[in-house]
Amino acid sequence: MEEGWKEVFLTVQEYKANMAKDILENAGIKTVIMNQHDSAYKSFGDIVVYVPDADENKAKELLKELKH
């Protein structure tokens, strides 16, 4: 990922990544999702949610419940 962005959520389930993105965007935080699933084998690879550096702590706090 480019400089200036921090990973705040990691999952293998696409719906959880989309839930995280919705939570963050509703709080006014820009979000980027990187899907690193293997195109041939959907069960391999991660989906990572990134936010700008300045929003890292707020984003992690907002997503605390989603990680459980």
N, C-alpha and C. Protein backbone atom coordinates (compact mmCIF):
# COMPACT_ATOMS: atom_id res chain seq x y z
N MET A 1 0.85 -1.18 0.00
CA MET A 1 0.00 0.00 0.00
C MET A 1 0.89 1.24 0.00
N GLU A 2 0.38 2.30 -0.55
CA GLU A 2 1.14 3.55 -0.62
C GLU A 2 1.41 4.11 0.76
N GLU A 3 2.42 4.93 0.84
CA GLU A 3 2.77 5.60 2.09
C GLU A 3 1.63 6.51 2.52
N GLY A 4 1.40 6.60 3.83
CA GLY A 4 0.34 7.46 4.33
C GLY A 4 -0.93 6.71 4.68
N TRP A 5 -0.93 5.40 4.50
CA TRP A 5 -2.10 4.57 4.80
C TRP A 5 -1.71 3.50 5.79
N LYS A 6 -2.65 3.15 6.68
CA LYS A 6 -2.41 2.12 7.69
C LYS A 6 -3.45 1.01 7.60
N GLU A 7 -3.01 -0.21 7.81
CA GLU A 7 -3.90 -1.36 7.86
C GLU A 7 -4.64 -1.33 9.20
N VAL A 8 -5.98 -1.40 9.14
CA VAL A 8 -6.76 -1.39 10.38
C VAL A 8 -7.65 -2.62 10.53
N PHE A 9 -7.78 -3.41 9.47
CA PHE A 9 -8.64 -4.58 9.54
C PHE A 9 -8.18 -5.61 8.52
N LEU A 10 -8.16 -6.87 8.94
CA LEU A 10 -7.71 -7.97 8.09
C LEU A 10 -8.70 -9.11 8.24
N THR A 11 -9.16 -9.67 7.13
CA THR A 11 -10.12 -10.77 7.17
C THR A 11 -9.98 -11.61 5.91
N VAL A 12 -10.57 -12.79 5.94
CA VAL A 12 -10.65 -13.61 4.73
C VAL A 12 -12.06 -13.56 4.17
N GLN A 13 -12.96 -12.90 4.89
CA GLN A 13 -14.38 -12.85 4.50
C GLN A 13 -14.71 -11.48 3.91
N GLU A 14 -15.11 -11.49 2.64
CA GLU A 14 -15.38 -10.24 1.93
C GLU A 14 -16.49 -9.42 2.60
N TYR A 15 -17.53 -10.08 3.11
CA TYR A 15 -18.63 -9.35 3.73
C TYR A 15 -18.16 -8.58 4.97
N LYS A 16 -17.19 -9.14 5.72
CA LYS A 16 -16.69 -8.43 6.90
C LYS A 16 -15.88 -7.20 6.48
N ALA A 17 -15.12 -7.30 5.41
CA ALA A 17 -14.37 -6.15 4.92
C ALA A 17 -15.32 -5.05 4.48
N ASN A 18 -16.42 -5.43 3.83
CA ASN A 18 -17.40 -4.44 3.39
C ASN A 18 -18.12 -3.82 4.59
N MET A 19 -18.37 -4.61 5.63
CA MET A 19 -18.98 -4.06 6.85
C MET A 19 -18.03 -3.03 7.48
N ALA A 20 -16.75 -3.36 7.54
CA ALA A 20 -15.76 -2.46 8.10
C ALA A 20 -15.72 -1.16 7.29
N LYS A 21 -15.73 -1.29 5.98
CA LYS A 21 -15.71 -0.10 5.12
C LYS A 21 -16.94 0.78 5.37
N ASP A 22 -18.11 0.16 5.48
CA ASP A 22 -19.34 0.92 5.74
C ASP A 22 -19.27 1.66 7.08
N ILE A 23 -18.79 0.98 8.11
CA ILE A 23 -18.67 1.60 9.44
C ILE A 23 -17.75 2.81 9.37
N LEU A 24 -16.61 2.64 8.73
CA LEU A 24 -15.62 3.72 8.66
C LEU A 24 -16.11 4.88 7.81
N GLU A 25 -16.69 4.59 6.66
CA GLU A 25 -17.16 5.66 5.79
C GLU A 25 -18.33 6.42 6.42
N ASN A 26 -19.17 5.73 7.18
CA ASN A 26 -20.26 6.42 7.89
C ASN A 26 -19.72 7.34 8.97
N ALA A 27 -18.50 7.09 9.43
CA ALA A 27 -17.85 7.95 10.42
C ALA A 27 -17.01 9.03 9.74
N GLY A 28 -17.05 9.07 8.41
CA GLY A 28 -16.32 10.10 7.67
C GLY A 28 -14.86 9.77 7.41
N ILE A 29 -14.50 8.50 7.49
CA ILE A 29 -13.11 8.08 7.28
C ILE A 29 -12.97 7.45 5.89
N LYS A 30 -12.02 7.96 5.10
CA LYS A 30 -11.74 7.38 3.79
C LYS A 30 -11.21 5.96 3.99
N THR A 31 -11.61 5.06 3.10
CA THR A 31 -11.26 3.65 3.25
C THR A 31 -10.88 3.05 1.90
N VAL A 32 -9.86 2.20 1.93
CA VAL A 32 -9.45 1.44 0.75
C VAL A 32 -9.41 -0.03 1.13
N ILE A 33 -10.02 -0.87 0.29
CA ILE A 33 -9.98 -2.31 0.51
C ILE A 33 -9.07 -2.93 -0.54
N MET A 34 -8.13 -3.77 -0.09
CA MET A 34 -7.28 -4.52 -1.02
C MET A 34 -7.62 -5.99 -0.87
N ASN A 35 -8.16 -6.56 -1.94
CA ASN A 35 -8.52 -7.96 -1.94
C ASN A 35 -7.34 -8.75 -2.49
N GLN A 36 -6.72 -9.56 -1.64
CA GLN A 36 -5.55 -10.32 -2.05
C GLN A 36 -5.87 -11.80 -2.20
N HIS A 37 -7.18 -12.10 -2.39
CA HIS A 37 -7.57 -13.50 -2.63
C HIS A 37 -6.99 -13.97 -3.95
N ASP A 38 -6.57 -15.19 -3.96
CA ASP A 38 -6.10 -15.82 -5.18
C ASP A 38 -7.29 -15.98 -6.12
N SER A 39 -7.16 -15.60 -7.36
CA SER A 39 -8.29 -15.64 -8.29
C SER A 39 -8.74 -17.07 -8.60
N ALA A 40 -7.85 -18.04 -8.51
CA ALA A 40 -8.22 -19.43 -8.79
C ALA A 40 -8.74 -20.15 -7.54
N TYR A 41 -8.21 -19.76 -6.38
CA TYR A 41 -8.59 -20.42 -5.13
C TYR A 41 -9.05 -19.37 -4.15
N LYS A 42 -10.34 -19.12 -4.12
CA LYS A 42 -10.90 -18.04 -3.30
C LYS A 42 -10.64 -18.21 -1.80
N SER A 43 -10.24 -19.41 -1.38
CA SER A 43 -10.02 -19.63 0.04
C SER A 43 -8.62 -19.21 0.49
N PHE A 44 -7.76 -18.80 -0.43
CA PHE A 44 -6.41 -18.36 -0.09
C PHE A 44 -6.29 -16.85 -0.24
N GLY A 45 -5.69 -16.21 0.75
CA GLY A 45 -5.45 -14.79 0.67
C GLY A 45 -6.32 -14.01 1.63
N ASP A 46 -5.94 -12.78 1.85
CA ASP A 46 -6.62 -11.91 2.80
C ASP A 46 -7.25 -10.71 2.11
N ILE A 47 -8.16 -10.09 2.83
CA ILE A 47 -8.74 -8.82 2.40
C ILE A 47 -8.35 -7.82 3.48
N VAL A 48 -7.69 -6.74 3.07
CA VAL A 48 -7.15 -5.77 4.01
C VAL A 48 -7.85 -4.43 3.84
N VAL A 49 -8.21 -3.81 4.97
CA VAL A 49 -8.83 -2.49 4.95
C VAL A 49 -7.80 -1.47 5.45
N TYR A 50 -7.61 -0.42 4.66
CA TYR A 50 -6.65 0.64 4.98
C TYR A 50 -7.38 1.97 5.17
N VAL A 51 -6.80 2.81 6.04
CA VAL A 51 -7.29 4.18 6.24
C VAL A 51 -6.07 5.11 6.27
N PRO A 52 -6.29 6.42 6.08
CA PRO A 52 -5.18 7.37 6.19
C PRO A 52 -4.55 7.31 7.60
N ASP A 53 -3.25 7.57 7.66
CA ASP A 53 -2.51 7.53 8.93
C ASP A 53 -3.24 8.26 10.06
N ALA A 54 -3.73 9.44 9.77
CA ALA A 54 -4.34 10.28 10.80
C ALA A 54 -5.59 9.66 11.41
N ASP A 55 -6.22 8.74 10.71
CA ASP A 55 -7.48 8.13 11.20
C ASP A 55 -7.29 6.74 11.79
N GLU A 56 -6.06 6.29 11.90
CA GLU A 56 -5.80 4.91 12.33
C GLU A 56 -6.42 4.58 13.69
N ASN A 57 -6.16 5.38 14.71
CA ASN A 57 -6.67 5.07 16.05
C ASN A 57 -8.19 5.09 16.11
N LYS A 58 -8.79 6.10 15.50
CA LYS A 58 -10.26 6.19 15.48
C LYS A 58 -10.86 4.99 14.76
N ALA A 59 -10.26 4.59 13.64
CA ALA A 59 -10.76 3.46 12.86
C ALA A 59 -10.67 2.17 13.66
N LYS A 60 -9.55 1.94 14.32
CA LYS A 60 -9.39 0.73 15.12
C LYS A 60 -10.41 0.67 16.24
N GLU A 61 -10.70 1.81 16.85
CA GLU A 61 -11.70 1.86 17.92
C GLU A 61 -13.10 1.53 17.36
N LEU A 62 -13.42 2.08 16.21
CA LEU A 62 -14.72 1.83 15.58
C LEU A 62 -14.89 0.36 15.19
N LEU A 63 -13.80 -0.30 14.84
CA LEU A 63 -13.89 -1.67 14.34
C LEU A 63 -13.64 -2.72 15.42
N LYS A 64 -13.43 -2.29 16.64
CA LYS A 64 -13.11 -3.21 17.73
C LYS A 64 -14.14 -4.34 17.86
N GLU A 65 -15.41 -4.01 17.80
CA GLU A 65 -16.47 -5.01 17.97
C GLU A 65 -16.55 -5.96 16.77
N LEU A 66 -16.22 -5.49 15.59
CA LEU A 66 -16.31 -6.31 14.38
C LEU A 66 -15.28 -7.44 14.38
N LYS A 67 -14.19 -7.25 15.10
CA LYS A 67 -13.11 -8.25 15.12
C LYS A 67 -13.47 -9.48 15.94
N HIS A 68 -14.51 -9.42 16.71
CA HIS A 68 -14.87 -10.57 17.58
C HIS A 68 -15.86 -11.49 16.92
